[in-house]
Amino acid sequence: MAETTELGFDALDREYLFCMWPGKDQLPKERAAELFSIISSSDSAVVYLNDLSYGKWEIPEAPFHPALKYLSECHRSDYLRVYLMHYYGGGYTDIKFTYKSWKGAFKTLKQSDAYVLGYKPKKIGMSEKYQDPVFLKEIEEKYLPFGIGHVAFIFKRQTPLTLHILNRLHKHLDEYQGQLMANPSRTQKDWLGKILDDGSTSKYPLHYTELGPDLFHLSLYRFKDKIIHYDIEPIHIFSKPIAAPGFANWKKQFSLEYIPQWPFSA
């Protein structure tokens, strides 16, 4: 079980914004443009973690769960963002196109008695384990108006909320550790029943959202009175345009400037 102790430092106070690509595969050029948009637009101290650096954030007195090394890169990111938010706090964003400053968001959470700040989601995506219509209706009516998206948020560290979600995550990994050791992830995005490139069916035991949105939203549901909203939602640069002033020009700028120059691997 995780503990609430004075470990690490306060990344909220320093306004650190974490993002990561925690696998051995190369960061795609398109994602490079999105990474530089975070650095350029967020007005934050951006901490980019990759496969070589995320281990430096492990606290010896609070080690990573031993099942971490068997997880897919996506699930590894789901785990690490919870670990970082509990022991360090601060902001987290997926590597998606960022065109808004986070300065006001950090200030708003610091001045609030809330535990977490994020953007309002349009829907809550959860795995097939939670597709009971009655349950989903309850989530939509009682949590969605208060909930936040899973890809960009700011947490205060070592609150009852971060302790709750990290303990739930560790308990979940305790239950699946044996299965994960027997069937570790074989792809960046792996899930139970996925058809792999060689035509075989994945025996990796976890659903795609099982360590992320499933645990995230169910935990926040218990603390919905400690959530505040702020518009920090990023967008995947190559998925769709948005009606924001200058967005098309920003997208073109970051594509032309950074994609051809991206030589780095994780």
Protein backbone atom coordinates (compact mmCIF):
# COMPACT_ATOMS: atom_id res chain seq x y z
CA MET A 1 0.00 0.00 0.00
CA ALA A 2 1.18 3.50 -0.76
CA GLU A 3 1.68 5.86 2.12
CA THR A 4 1.24 9.58 2.57
CA THR A 5 4.72 10.72 3.54
CA GLU A 6 6.90 13.74 2.85
CA LEU A 7 8.83 12.28 -0.08
CA GLY A 8 10.08 14.11 -3.14
CA PHE A 9 9.31 17.77 -3.69
CA ASP A 10 6.22 19.76 -4.56
CA ALA A 11 5.92 19.89 -8.36
CA LEU A 12 2.71 21.91 -8.07
CA ASP A 13 4.61 24.68 -6.31
CA ARG A 14 7.26 24.58 -9.07
CA GLU A 15 4.55 24.38 -11.78
CA TYR A 16 6.10 21.31 -13.38
CA LEU A 17 4.18 19.82 -16.30
CA PHE A 18 5.00 16.15 -16.89
CA CYS A 19 4.64 14.40 -20.24
CA MET A 20 6.12 11.09 -21.32
CA TRP A 21 6.89 8.48 -23.96
CA PRO A 22 8.02 5.65 -21.67
CA GLY A 23 8.87 2.98 -24.20
CA LYS A 24 11.84 1.89 -26.31
CA ASP A 25 10.15 2.72 -29.61
CA GLN A 26 11.00 5.98 -31.33
CA LEU A 27 8.86 9.01 -30.65
CA PRO A 28 7.03 9.55 -33.98
CA LYS A 29 7.77 12.77 -35.83
CA GLU A 30 4.16 13.89 -35.58
CA ARG A 31 4.30 13.54 -31.80
CA ALA A 32 7.53 15.56 -31.81
CA ALA A 33 5.59 18.53 -33.14
CA GLU A 34 3.06 18.07 -30.36
CA LEU A 35 5.81 17.82 -27.75
CA PHE A 36 7.29 21.12 -28.88
CA SER A 37 3.84 22.72 -28.78
CA ILE A 38 3.66 21.80 -25.08
CA ILE A 39 7.07 23.34 -24.44
CA SER A 40 6.21 26.44 -26.45
CA SER A 41 2.65 27.14 -25.35
CA SER A 42 2.09 25.84 -21.81
CA ASP A 43 4.10 28.52 -19.94
CA SER A 44 5.26 25.73 -17.64
CA ALA A 45 8.44 23.92 -16.70
CA VAL A 46 7.95 20.88 -18.95
CA VAL A 47 9.44 17.59 -17.75
CA TYR A 48 9.62 15.09 -20.62
CA LEU A 49 10.16 11.48 -19.51
CA ASN A 50 11.25 8.64 -21.76
CA ASP A 51 12.39 5.06 -21.27
CA LEU A 52 15.82 6.23 -20.12
CA SER A 53 14.69 8.87 -17.65
CA TYR A 54 11.43 7.94 -15.93
CA GLY A 55 13.25 5.65 -13.50
CA LYS A 56 15.06 8.67 -12.08
CA TRP A 57 11.75 9.78 -10.57
CA GLU A 58 11.33 6.58 -8.58
CA ILE A 59 11.61 7.24 -4.86
CA PRO A 60 13.64 4.49 -3.11
CA GLU A 61 11.32 4.52 -0.08
CA ALA A 62 8.32 4.17 -2.41
CA PRO A 63 9.41 1.91 -5.29
CA PHE A 64 7.46 1.35 -8.49
CA HIS A 65 5.21 -1.69 -8.50
CA PRO A 66 7.22 -4.75 -9.69
CA ALA A 67 4.63 -5.42 -12.41
CA LEU A 68 5.51 -2.15 -14.15
CA LYS A 69 8.10 -3.79 -16.41
CA TYR A 70 5.50 -6.17 -17.86
CA LEU A 71 3.04 -3.43 -18.85
CA SER A 72 2.45 -2.02 -22.30
CA GLU A 73 3.86 1.45 -22.88
CA CYS A 74 0.36 2.93 -22.69
CA HIS A 75 -0.36 1.20 -19.39
CA ARG A 76 3.09 2.20 -18.15
CA SER A 77 2.09 5.80 -18.80
CA ASP A 78 -1.19 5.24 -16.95
CA TYR A 79 0.78 3.96 -13.96
CA LEU A 80 3.48 6.62 -13.96
CA ARG A 81 1.10 9.56 -14.11
CA VAL A 82 -0.63 8.30 -10.95
CA TYR A 83 2.69 7.67 -9.19
CA LEU A 84 3.98 11.15 -10.09
CA MET A 85 0.78 12.89 -9.06
CA HIS A 86 0.81 11.19 -5.66
CA TYR A 87 4.44 11.71 -4.71
CA TYR A 88 5.16 14.95 -6.56
CA GLY A 89 1.90 16.53 -7.70
CA GLY A 90 1.96 19.11 -10.49
CA GLY A 91 0.58 18.84 -13.99
CA TYR A 92 0.41 16.02 -16.51
CA THR A 93 -0.51 16.02 -20.19
CA ASP A 94 -0.46 13.41 -22.92
CA ILE A 95 1.73 14.38 -25.86
CA LYS A 96 -0.98 16.18 -27.77
CA PHE A 97 -1.12 19.59 -29.41
CA THR A 98 -1.19 22.32 -26.74
CA TYR A 99 -2.14 25.85 -27.67
CA LYS A 100 -3.16 27.28 -24.28
CA SER A 101 -1.17 28.52 -21.30
CA TRP A 102 -1.38 26.47 -18.09
CA LYS A 103 -0.30 29.43 -15.94
CA GLY A 104 -3.83 30.30 -14.85
CA ALA A 105 -4.67 26.66 -14.20
CA PHE A 106 -1.77 26.21 -11.78
CA LYS A 107 -2.69 29.43 -9.98
CA THR A 108 -6.35 28.41 -9.73
CA LEU A 109 -5.61 25.05 -8.10
CA LYS A 110 -3.06 26.55 -5.71
CA GLN A 111 -5.67 29.01 -4.44
CA SER A 112 -8.39 26.37 -4.11
CA ASP A 113 -9.16 23.71 -1.51
CA ALA A 114 -9.71 21.24 -4.38
CA TYR A 115 -7.41 18.26 -4.86
CA VAL A 116 -7.37 18.25 -8.66
CA LEU A 117 -8.06 20.46 -11.66
CA GLY A 118 -8.83 19.43 -15.22
CA TYR A 119 -10.98 20.01 -18.28
CA LYS A 120 -14.61 18.91 -18.64
CA PRO A 121 -14.85 15.68 -20.64
CA LYS A 122 -17.60 15.16 -23.20
CA LYS A 123 -17.93 11.50 -22.25
CA ILE A 124 -16.33 8.93 -19.97
CA GLY A 125 -14.65 6.08 -21.84
CA MET A 126 -14.38 2.89 -19.76
CA SER A 127 -13.62 -0.71 -20.60
CA GLU A 128 -16.13 -3.43 -21.37
CA LYS A 129 -15.93 -4.47 -17.70
CA TYR A 130 -18.06 -1.42 -16.91
CA GLN A 131 -20.67 -1.44 -19.66
CA ASP A 132 -23.71 -2.16 -17.49
CA PRO A 133 -26.33 0.38 -18.68
CA VAL A 134 -27.50 1.19 -15.14
CA PHE A 135 -23.93 1.85 -14.00
CA LEU A 136 -23.11 3.96 -17.06
CA LYS A 137 -26.27 6.02 -16.57
CA GLU A 138 -25.28 6.68 -12.96
CA ILE A 139 -21.78 7.75 -14.05
CA GLU A 140 -23.19 10.03 -16.74
CA GLU A 141 -25.66 11.71 -14.40
CA LYS A 142 -23.72 11.84 -11.12
CA TYR A 143 -20.06 12.04 -12.15
CA LEU A 144 -19.73 13.41 -15.69
CA PRO A 145 -20.76 16.98 -14.71
CA PHE A 146 -17.98 16.98 -12.08
CA GLY A 147 -15.42 14.75 -13.79
CA ILE A 148 -12.25 15.63 -15.67
CA GLY A 149 -10.50 14.18 -18.69
CA HIS A 150 -7.75 11.61 -18.30
CA VAL A 151 -5.17 13.19 -20.63
CA ALA A 152 -4.47 16.59 -18.99
CA PHE A 153 -4.78 17.62 -15.34
CA ILE A 154 -3.07 19.09 -12.28
CA PHE A 155 -3.00 17.42 -8.85
CA LYS A 156 -2.01 18.45 -5.36
CA ARG A 157 0.36 15.80 -4.07
CA GLN A 158 -0.29 13.29 -1.30
CA THR A 159 -3.97 13.98 -0.79
CA PRO A 160 -6.56 11.35 0.17
CA LEU A 161 -7.46 11.25 -3.54
CA THR A 162 -3.95 10.48 -4.83
CA LEU A 163 -3.47 7.94 -2.03
CA HIS A 164 -6.76 6.25 -2.92
CA ILE A 165 -6.07 5.98 -6.64
CA LEU A 166 -2.48 4.76 -6.20
CA ASN A 167 -3.57 2.13 -3.67
CA ARG A 168 -6.30 0.94 -6.04
CA LEU A 169 -3.77 0.77 -8.86
CA HIS A 170 -1.28 -1.22 -6.78
CA LYS A 171 -4.00 -3.60 -5.60
CA HIS A 172 -5.06 -4.15 -9.19
CA LEU A 173 -1.49 -4.91 -10.26
CA ASP A 174 -1.07 -7.26 -7.28
CA GLU A 175 -4.01 -9.27 -8.58
CA TYR A 176 -2.70 -9.42 -12.16
CA GLN A 177 1.04 -9.69 -11.54
CA GLY A 178 1.21 -13.45 -12.13
CA GLN A 179 -0.75 -13.19 -15.37
CA LEU A 180 1.37 -10.24 -16.50
CA MET A 181 4.60 -12.17 -15.85
CA ALA A 182 3.25 -15.05 -17.92
CA ASN A 183 1.90 -12.81 -20.68
CA PRO A 184 3.81 -9.50 -20.75
CA SER A 185 2.90 -6.85 -23.29
CA ARG A 186 4.21 -7.44 -26.81
CA THR A 187 3.21 -4.10 -28.36
CA GLN A 188 3.05 -0.44 -27.42
CA LYS A 189 -0.74 -0.67 -27.22
CA ASP A 190 -1.66 -4.13 -26.05
CA TRP A 191 -4.90 -5.43 -24.59
CA LEU A 192 -6.70 -8.69 -23.90
CA GLY A 193 -7.88 -10.26 -27.16
CA LYS A 194 -6.06 -7.91 -29.51
CA ILE A 195 -5.12 -9.42 -32.87
CA LEU A 196 -1.36 -8.96 -33.16
CA ASP A 197 0.69 -8.39 -36.31
CA ASP A 198 1.58 -12.10 -36.53
CA GLY A 199 -2.12 -13.03 -36.51
CA SER A 200 -2.13 -14.39 -32.97
CA THR A 201 -4.51 -13.23 -30.25
CA SER A 202 -2.95 -11.35 -27.35
CA LYS A 203 -3.11 -13.02 -23.95
CA TYR A 204 -1.97 -9.85 -22.21
CA PRO A 205 -4.52 -9.82 -19.37
CA LEU A 206 -5.61 -6.16 -19.23
CA HIS A 207 -8.23 -4.21 -21.13
CA TYR A 208 -7.00 -1.06 -22.86
CA THR A 209 -8.53 1.44 -20.38
CA GLU A 210 -8.28 -0.81 -17.31
CA LEU A 211 -5.34 0.95 -15.62
CA GLY A 212 -6.24 4.40 -16.92
CA PRO A 213 -9.79 5.75 -17.25
CA ASP A 214 -11.38 2.85 -15.34
CA LEU A 215 -9.45 3.44 -12.11
CA PHE A 216 -9.07 7.18 -12.65
CA HIS A 217 -12.77 7.97 -12.99
CA LEU A 218 -13.97 5.52 -10.35
CA SER A 219 -11.53 7.08 -7.87
CA LEU A 220 -12.46 10.66 -8.72
CA TYR A 221 -16.13 9.72 -8.40
CA ARG A 222 -15.54 9.38 -4.64
CA PHE A 223 -13.98 12.85 -4.46
CA LYS A 224 -16.14 14.78 -6.91
CA ASP A 225 -16.51 17.67 -4.46
CA LYS A 226 -12.71 18.17 -4.65
CA ILE A 227 -12.56 18.67 -8.44
CA ILE A 228 -12.45 22.01 -10.27
CA HIS A 229 -12.49 22.72 -13.99
CA TYR A 230 -10.19 24.73 -16.23
CA ASP A 231 -9.89 24.62 -20.01
CA ILE A 232 -6.52 22.94 -20.57
CA GLU A 233 -7.70 20.26 -22.99
CA PRO A 234 -5.10 19.49 -25.67
CA ILE A 235 -5.92 17.97 -29.02
CA HIS A 236 -4.17 15.49 -31.27
CA ILE A 237 -2.76 17.66 -34.04
CA PHE A 238 -3.48 15.20 -36.85
CA SER A 239 -6.90 13.99 -35.74
CA LYS A 240 -9.14 16.97 -36.47
CA PRO A 241 -9.10 20.77 -36.70
CA ILE A 242 -10.66 22.93 -34.03
CA ALA A 243 -12.33 26.33 -34.18
CA ALA A 244 -9.67 28.20 -32.21
CA PRO A 245 -8.08 31.45 -33.38
CA GLY A 246 -4.79 30.71 -35.09
CA PHE A 247 -5.02 26.92 -34.70
CA ALA A 248 -4.50 26.15 -38.39
CA ASN A 249 -1.42 28.37 -38.53
CA TRP A 250 0.02 26.87 -35.32
CA LYS A 251 -0.52 23.38 -36.63
CA LYS A 252 1.26 24.22 -39.89
CA GLN A 253 4.09 26.01 -38.06
CA PHE A 254 4.86 23.15 -35.69
CA SER A 255 4.56 20.59 -38.48
CA LEU A 256 7.00 22.41 -40.76
CA GLU A 257 9.47 23.45 -38.06
CA TYR A 258 9.75 20.31 -35.96
CA ILE A 259 8.71 17.22 -37.90
CA PRO A 260 11.60 17.42 -40.44
CA GLN A 261 14.11 18.11 -37.66
CA TRP A 262 13.15 15.29 -35.31
CA PRO A 263 16.14 12.90 -35.07
CA PHE A 264 15.62 11.65 -31.56
CA SER A 265 14.55 8.29 -30.24
CA ALA A 266 13.17 7.58 -26.79
